[in-house]
Amino acid sequence: MASKNDTKVTIGGKTYTLSGYESEGYLQEVAGYLNKKIAEIRDDKSLNDLPFDMRNILLQLNIADDYFKARDEVQTLRKQAAEMEEYYSDMKHDLVAAQMKLESTQKRLKELEK
């Protein structure tokens, strides 16, 4: 089993220790993503007058939106991959059939030449 990593990260200006089996780089990447989303909310001047809890909900909604879009993209890519796999399987079948027909035709030609 992989060893647990403890990594200090800064999120929203505060330092936290994250602990997990993922690499330090991955944990830093997650913290960086969260910092980016926090900055987007903080930098939107139209949201400055909202209470903290409302801005926090908007942050969570933005993160959930990213998740659902990524999930939908994965589903679309999996569907496309399955379609391509079926397409190439059909092409392979057609190629084998064409090769068999070619071999049969070549065999008949040799017989006719005799």
Protein backbone atom coordinates (compact mmCIF):
# COMPACT_ATOMS: atom_id res chain seq x y z
CA MET A 1 0.00 0.00 0.00
CA ALA A 2 1.25 3.50 -0.82
CA SER A 3 2.38 5.68 2.01
CA LYS A 4 0.34 8.65 3.15
CA ASN A 5 1.66 12.09 2.25
CA ASP A 6 1.35 15.18 4.42
CA THR A 7 1.67 18.37 2.41
CA LYS A 8 1.41 21.99 3.49
CA VAL A 9 -0.67 24.07 1.09
CA THR A 10 -1.97 27.61 1.11
CA ILE A 11 -5.63 28.07 0.30
CA GLY A 12 -7.24 31.47 0.45
CA GLY A 13 -4.21 32.89 2.25
CA LYS A 14 -4.26 30.29 5.03
CA THR A 15 -1.88 27.36 5.41
CA TYR A 16 -3.33 23.87 5.75
CA THR A 17 -1.79 20.44 5.99
CA LEU A 18 -3.39 18.06 3.52
CA SER A 19 -2.96 14.37 4.08
CA GLY A 20 -3.59 11.67 1.50
CA TYR A 21 -2.17 8.92 -0.63
CA GLU A 22 -1.84 11.19 -3.63
CA SER A 23 1.48 12.79 -4.51
CA GLU A 24 2.53 16.13 -3.07
CA GLY A 25 2.32 17.59 -6.58
CA TYR A 26 -1.27 16.45 -6.95
CA LEU A 27 -2.27 17.92 -3.58
CA GLN A 28 -0.60 21.21 -4.55
CA GLU A 29 -2.47 21.15 -7.87
CA VAL A 30 -5.80 20.70 -6.07
CA ALA A 31 -4.97 23.59 -3.74
CA GLY A 32 -3.98 25.72 -6.74
CA TYR A 33 -7.27 24.96 -8.46
CA LEU A 34 -9.18 25.97 -5.33
CA ASN A 35 -7.15 29.17 -5.03
CA LYS A 36 -7.99 30.01 -8.64
CA LYS A 37 -11.71 29.55 -7.99
CA ILE A 38 -11.51 31.63 -4.79
CA ALA A 39 -9.73 34.41 -6.72
CA GLU A 40 -12.44 34.40 -9.39
CA ILE A 41 -15.11 35.04 -6.75
CA ARG A 42 -12.95 37.56 -4.85
CA ASP A 43 -12.06 39.50 -8.03
CA ASP A 44 -15.66 39.80 -9.20
CA LYS A 45 -16.45 43.26 -7.83
CA SER A 46 -20.19 42.72 -8.32
CA LEU A 47 -20.07 40.07 -5.59
CA ASN A 48 -18.27 42.18 -2.95
CA ASP A 49 -21.49 43.28 -1.26
CA LEU A 50 -22.74 39.72 -0.80
CA PRO A 51 -22.37 38.05 2.59
CA PHE A 52 -19.47 35.63 2.99
CA ASP A 53 -21.74 32.57 3.12
CA MET A 54 -23.40 33.57 -0.18
CA ARG A 55 -19.99 33.99 -1.85
CA ASN A 56 -18.98 30.61 -0.42
CA ILE A 57 -22.08 29.02 -1.98
CA LEU A 58 -21.20 30.63 -5.32
CA LEU A 59 -17.69 29.19 -5.01
CA GLN A 60 -19.13 25.74 -4.36
CA LEU A 61 -21.55 26.09 -7.28
CA ASN A 62 -18.66 27.07 -9.59
CA ILE A 63 -16.66 24.03 -8.50
CA ALA A 64 -19.70 21.75 -8.90
CA ASP A 65 -20.27 23.24 -12.37
CA ASP A 66 -16.67 22.42 -13.35
CA TYR A 67 -17.14 18.88 -12.04
CA PHE A 68 -20.37 18.27 -13.96
CA LYS A 69 -18.93 19.70 -17.17
CA ALA A 70 -15.84 17.50 -16.83
CA ARG A 71 -18.01 14.46 -16.06
CA ASP A 72 -20.15 15.14 -19.14
CA GLU A 73 -17.04 15.56 -21.28
CA VAL A 74 -15.68 12.22 -20.04
CA GLN A 75 -18.99 10.54 -20.88
CA THR A 76 -18.95 12.10 -24.36
CA LEU A 77 -15.35 10.99 -24.94
CA ARG A 78 -16.14 7.45 -23.76
CA LYS A 79 -19.09 7.31 -26.14
CA GLN A 80 -16.92 8.57 -29.00
CA ALA A 81 -14.23 6.01 -28.14
CA ALA A 82 -16.80 3.20 -28.17
CA GLU A 83 -18.14 4.41 -31.52
CA MET A 84 -14.63 4.54 -32.97
CA GLU A 85 -13.87 1.08 -31.62
CA GLU A 86 -17.00 -0.27 -33.30
CA TYR A 87 -16.16 1.58 -36.53
CA TYR A 88 -12.62 0.14 -36.62
CA SER A 89 -13.94 -3.30 -35.78
CA ASP A 90 -16.34 -3.06 -38.72
CA MET A 91 -13.50 -1.85 -40.97
CA LYS A 92 -11.32 -4.76 -39.86
CA HIS A 93 -14.14 -7.17 -40.64
CA ASP A 94 -14.58 -5.57 -44.08
CA LEU A 95 -10.84 -5.80 -44.71
CA VAL A 96 -10.75 -9.49 -43.81
CA ALA A 97 -13.74 -10.11 -46.10
CA ALA A 98 -12.03 -8.22 -48.94
CA GLN A 99 -8.79 -10.17 -48.42
CA MET A 100 -10.69 -13.45 -48.54
CA LYS A 101 -12.45 -12.35 -51.73
CA LEU A 102 -9.11 -11.33 -53.26
CA GLU A 103 -7.54 -14.67 -52.38
CA SER A 104 -10.53 -16.50 -53.83
CA THR A 105 -10.34 -14.46 -57.03
CA GLN A 106 -6.59 -15.05 -57.33
CA LYS A 107 -7.13 -18.77 -56.85
CA ARG A 108 -9.76 -18.85 -59.60
CA LEU A 109 -7.49 -16.87 -61.91
CA LYS A 110 -4.68 -19.41 -61.39
CA GLU A 111 -7.10 -22.23 -62.15
CA LEU A 112 -8.24 -20.48 -65.35
CA GLU A 113 -4.62 -19.98 -66.44
CA LYS A 114 -3.96 -23.73 -66.32
